Amino acid sequence: MSLYGKNIGIALTGSFCTFDKVFKEVENLIDENANIYPIFSNNSQVINSRFGNAADFLNKMHYMTGNDPITTIEDAEPIGPKKYLDVLAIVPCTGNTLAKLANGITDTPVLMAAKAHLRNGKPLVISISTNDGLSMNLKNIGLVLNAKNIYFVPFGQDSPKDKPNSLVAHTNLLKDTIEQALEGKQIQPVIVSPY
């Protein structure tokens, strides 16, 4: 499937160690002539970490996409009634965001964007990145995997010896996952190892 002219929301949450991979995949989507609409969670727009400064990430996304990042719940809500996204991807999706999504909590711009987008019956793609994916968040992964119009980027354990509960998506499969999701299909296999 061609992504030419598709309107794709890219929502970033606070798994900062994955941001370099996310920006690379955004470039790939732009190369496919997709229109990218960035959305930042509260934490991803203010926390500076060893992986970079929040302001730099916001500026880079604006520069790459030509669109101002959505940074408030109020600005994310119109995604529903305006129906302008073809697909929304939460990449990376932290365990915290996943848990809230599974339980219907909409207290960040990313979660409001997801709620607003799902009400239109359009695909939501999850690119998981969580240290508790095989422990406390496993039940939330199960709930969300079973939800209508939600699709996962294939994922696996990123460090089975040192972090046996940690799961991270294979971000390089984001474009393929989006293409499948736009056709109403979950890319297979969902669980891929090693990372």
Protein backbone atom coordinates (compact mmCIF):
# COMPACT_ATOMS: atom_id res chain seq x y z
CA MET A 1 0.00 0.00 0.00
CA SER A 2 1.22 3.47 -0.84
CA LEU A 3 1.44 6.00 1.99
CA TYR A 4 1.42 8.88 -0.51
CA GLY A 5 -0.74 11.67 0.87
CA LYS A 6 -1.74 9.73 3.98
CA ASN A 7 -2.16 11.81 7.13
CA ILE A 8 -0.25 10.05 9.90
CA GLY A 9 -0.19 11.14 13.52
CA ILE A 10 3.05 10.33 15.32
CA ALA A 11 2.62 10.54 19.09
CA LEU A 12 5.71 10.41 21.28
CA THR A 13 5.73 9.40 24.93
CA GLY A 14 8.63 9.35 27.40
CA SER A 15 10.74 6.36 26.37
CA PHE A 16 13.54 8.70 25.35
CA CYS A 17 16.04 5.92 24.58
CA THR A 18 13.99 5.08 21.46
CA PHE A 19 13.69 8.61 20.06
CA ASP A 20 16.59 8.28 17.59
CA LYS A 21 14.88 5.26 16.03
CA VAL A 22 11.55 7.08 15.98
CA PHE A 23 12.99 10.06 14.11
CA LYS A 24 14.59 7.72 11.57
CA GLU A 25 11.21 6.08 10.91
CA VAL A 26 9.50 9.47 10.63
CA GLU A 27 12.03 10.31 7.91
CA ASN A 28 11.09 7.08 6.14
CA LEU A 29 7.40 8.01 6.28
CA ILE A 30 8.15 11.47 4.93
CA ASP A 31 10.15 9.85 2.10
CA GLU A 32 6.93 7.97 1.26
CA ASN A 33 5.24 11.42 0.88
CA ALA A 34 3.07 10.96 3.96
CA ASN A 35 1.93 14.02 5.92
CA ILE A 36 3.11 13.74 9.52
CA TYR A 37 1.30 15.37 12.44
CA PRO A 38 3.42 15.17 15.62
CA ILE A 39 1.93 14.87 19.12
CA PHE A 40 3.94 14.97 22.35
CA SER A 41 2.95 13.67 25.76
CA ASN A 42 3.35 15.98 28.75
CA ASN A 43 6.61 14.32 29.82
CA SER A 44 8.12 14.05 26.36
CA GLN A 45 7.80 17.79 25.84
CA VAL A 46 9.46 18.89 29.10
CA ILE A 47 11.88 16.23 30.39
CA ASN A 48 15.52 16.61 29.44
CA SER A 49 17.41 13.33 29.65
CA ARG A 50 20.78 11.84 28.75
CA PHE A 51 19.22 11.12 25.36
CA GLY A 52 18.58 14.79 24.56
CA ASN A 53 16.69 17.95 25.40
CA ALA A 54 12.92 18.09 25.08
CA ALA A 55 12.97 21.42 23.24
CA ASP A 56 15.35 19.97 20.66
CA PHE A 57 13.01 17.04 20.01
CA LEU A 58 10.04 19.38 19.56
CA ASN A 59 12.00 21.63 17.22
CA LYS A 60 13.36 18.71 15.21
CA MET A 61 9.89 17.25 14.71
CA HIS A 62 8.53 20.63 13.63
CA TYR A 63 11.42 21.10 11.20
CA MET A 64 11.06 17.61 9.72
CA THR A 65 7.28 17.62 9.32
CA GLY A 66 6.47 21.28 8.77
CA ASN A 67 3.72 20.93 11.38
CA ASP A 68 3.62 22.35 14.90
CA PRO A 69 3.58 19.52 17.44
CA ILE A 70 0.33 19.09 19.35
CA THR A 71 1.22 19.63 23.01
CA THR A 72 -2.09 20.11 24.83
CA ILE A 73 -5.22 18.07 25.44
CA GLU A 74 -7.26 20.91 23.98
CA ASP A 75 -5.33 20.81 20.71
CA ALA A 76 -5.54 17.00 20.50
CA GLU A 77 -9.33 16.77 20.95
CA PRO A 78 -10.22 18.13 17.45
CA ILE A 79 -8.54 15.08 15.89
CA GLY A 80 -11.89 13.37 16.49
CA PRO A 81 -14.43 15.76 14.97
CA LYS A 82 -12.09 16.98 12.18
CA LYS A 83 -11.23 13.36 11.21
CA TYR A 84 -8.02 14.41 9.49
CA LEU A 85 -5.77 11.48 10.44
CA ASP A 86 -5.80 8.27 8.45
CA VAL A 87 -3.77 6.48 11.12
CA LEU A 88 -2.24 7.40 14.49
CA ALA A 89 0.90 5.74 15.85
CA ILE A 90 2.04 6.02 19.46
CA VAL A 91 5.75 5.52 19.04
CA PRO A 92 7.20 4.93 21.54
CA CYS A 93 4.32 3.89 23.77
CA THR A 94 5.42 3.62 27.38
CA GLY A 95 3.89 1.18 29.83
CA ASN A 96 2.31 4.12 31.62
CA THR A 97 0.58 5.32 28.45
CA LEU A 98 -0.47 1.77 27.54
CA ALA A 99 -1.96 1.20 31.01
CA LYS A 100 -3.97 4.41 30.78
CA LEU A 101 -5.11 3.61 27.25
CA ALA A 102 -6.26 0.14 28.37
CA ASN A 103 -8.27 1.74 31.17
CA GLY A 104 -9.80 4.65 29.27
CA ILE A 105 -7.76 7.42 30.91
CA THR A 106 -7.19 10.52 28.76
CA ASP A 107 -5.01 12.85 30.79
CA THR A 108 -2.29 13.67 28.24
CA PRO A 109 -2.30 15.04 24.67
CA VAL A 110 -1.29 11.60 23.35
CA LEU A 111 -4.12 9.80 25.14
CA MET A 112 -6.67 12.39 24.05
CA ALA A 113 -5.42 12.07 20.47
CA ALA A 114 -5.83 8.27 20.69
CA LYS A 115 -9.34 8.53 22.13
CA ALA A 116 -10.39 11.14 19.57
CA HIS A 117 -8.93 9.14 16.70
CA LEU A 118 -10.42 5.79 17.76
CA ARG A 119 -13.90 7.26 17.88
CA ASN A 120 -13.64 7.59 14.10
CA GLY A 121 -13.02 3.84 13.71
CA LYS A 122 -9.57 4.42 12.25
CA PRO A 123 -6.39 2.46 13.07
CA LEU A 124 -4.22 3.16 16.10
CA VAL A 125 -0.72 1.66 16.02
CA ILE A 126 1.16 0.92 19.25
CA SER A 127 4.96 0.73 19.32
CA ILE A 128 5.57 -0.56 22.83
CA SER A 129 8.59 0.34 24.98
CA THR A 130 8.22 -0.71 28.60
CA ASN A 131 10.38 -2.30 31.28
CA ASP A 132 7.36 -4.10 32.77
CA GLY A 133 5.80 -5.58 29.65
CA LEU A 134 6.12 -9.13 30.97
CA SER A 135 5.06 -8.22 34.50
CA MET A 136 2.56 -5.56 35.62
CA ASN A 137 1.78 -4.34 32.10
CA LEU A 138 1.26 -7.74 30.50
CA LYS A 139 -2.46 -7.62 31.32
CA ASN A 140 -2.74 -4.22 29.62
CA ILE A 141 -0.99 -5.50 26.50
CA GLY A 142 -3.53 -8.33 26.43
CA LEU A 143 -6.45 -5.94 26.78
CA VAL A 144 -5.23 -3.60 24.08
CA LEU A 145 -4.24 -6.42 21.68
CA ASN A 146 -7.86 -7.54 21.79
CA ALA A 147 -9.31 -4.06 21.15
CA LYS A 148 -10.88 -3.11 17.85
CA ASN A 149 -8.82 -0.92 15.49
CA ILE A 150 -5.61 -1.20 17.56
CA TYR A 151 -2.51 -2.75 16.01
CA PHE A 152 0.95 -3.46 17.43
CA VAL A 153 4.36 -2.98 15.88
CA PRO A 154 6.04 -6.38 16.38
CA PHE A 155 7.94 -6.48 19.65
CA GLY A 156 10.25 -8.64 21.73
CA GLN A 157 12.48 -8.72 24.76
CA ASP A 158 15.28 -6.21 24.37
CA SER A 159 17.50 -7.51 27.19
CA PRO A 160 16.28 -10.88 28.50
CA LYS A 161 19.23 -11.38 30.85
CA ASP A 162 19.45 -7.92 32.40
CA LYS A 163 15.78 -6.83 32.08
CA PRO A 164 13.70 -10.00 31.74
CA ASN A 165 10.35 -8.15 31.88
CA SER A 166 11.26 -5.49 29.32
CA LEU A 167 9.60 -5.33 25.89
CA VAL A 168 10.48 -3.04 23.00
CA ALA A 169 8.95 -2.78 19.54
CA HIS A 170 11.00 -3.32 16.39
CA THR A 171 10.63 0.30 15.34
CA ASN A 172 12.04 -0.48 11.90
CA LEU A 173 8.72 -2.27 11.20
CA LEU A 174 6.63 0.85 11.84
CA LYS A 175 5.97 1.61 8.15
CA ASP A 176 5.00 -2.00 7.41
CA THR A 177 2.72 -2.07 10.46
CA ILE A 178 1.02 1.17 9.40
CA GLU A 179 0.47 -0.15 5.89
CA GLN A 180 -1.14 -3.33 7.24
CA ALA A 181 -3.21 -1.42 9.81
CA LEU A 182 -4.62 0.81 7.07
CA GLU A 183 -5.94 -2.39 5.51
CA GLY A 184 -7.39 -3.56 8.83
CA LYS A 185 -4.71 -6.21 9.38
CA GLN A 186 -2.31 -6.92 12.23
CA ILE A 187 1.19 -7.47 10.89
CA GLN A 188 2.47 -10.92 11.78
CA PRO A 189 4.20 -12.24 13.73
CA VAL A 190 3.50 -9.85 16.59
CA ILE A 191 6.18 -11.28 18.87
CA VAL A 192 9.61 -11.26 17.25
CA SER A 193 12.92 -12.16 18.90
CA PRO A 194 15.67 -11.44 19.38
CA TYR A 195 15.43 -7.65 19.51
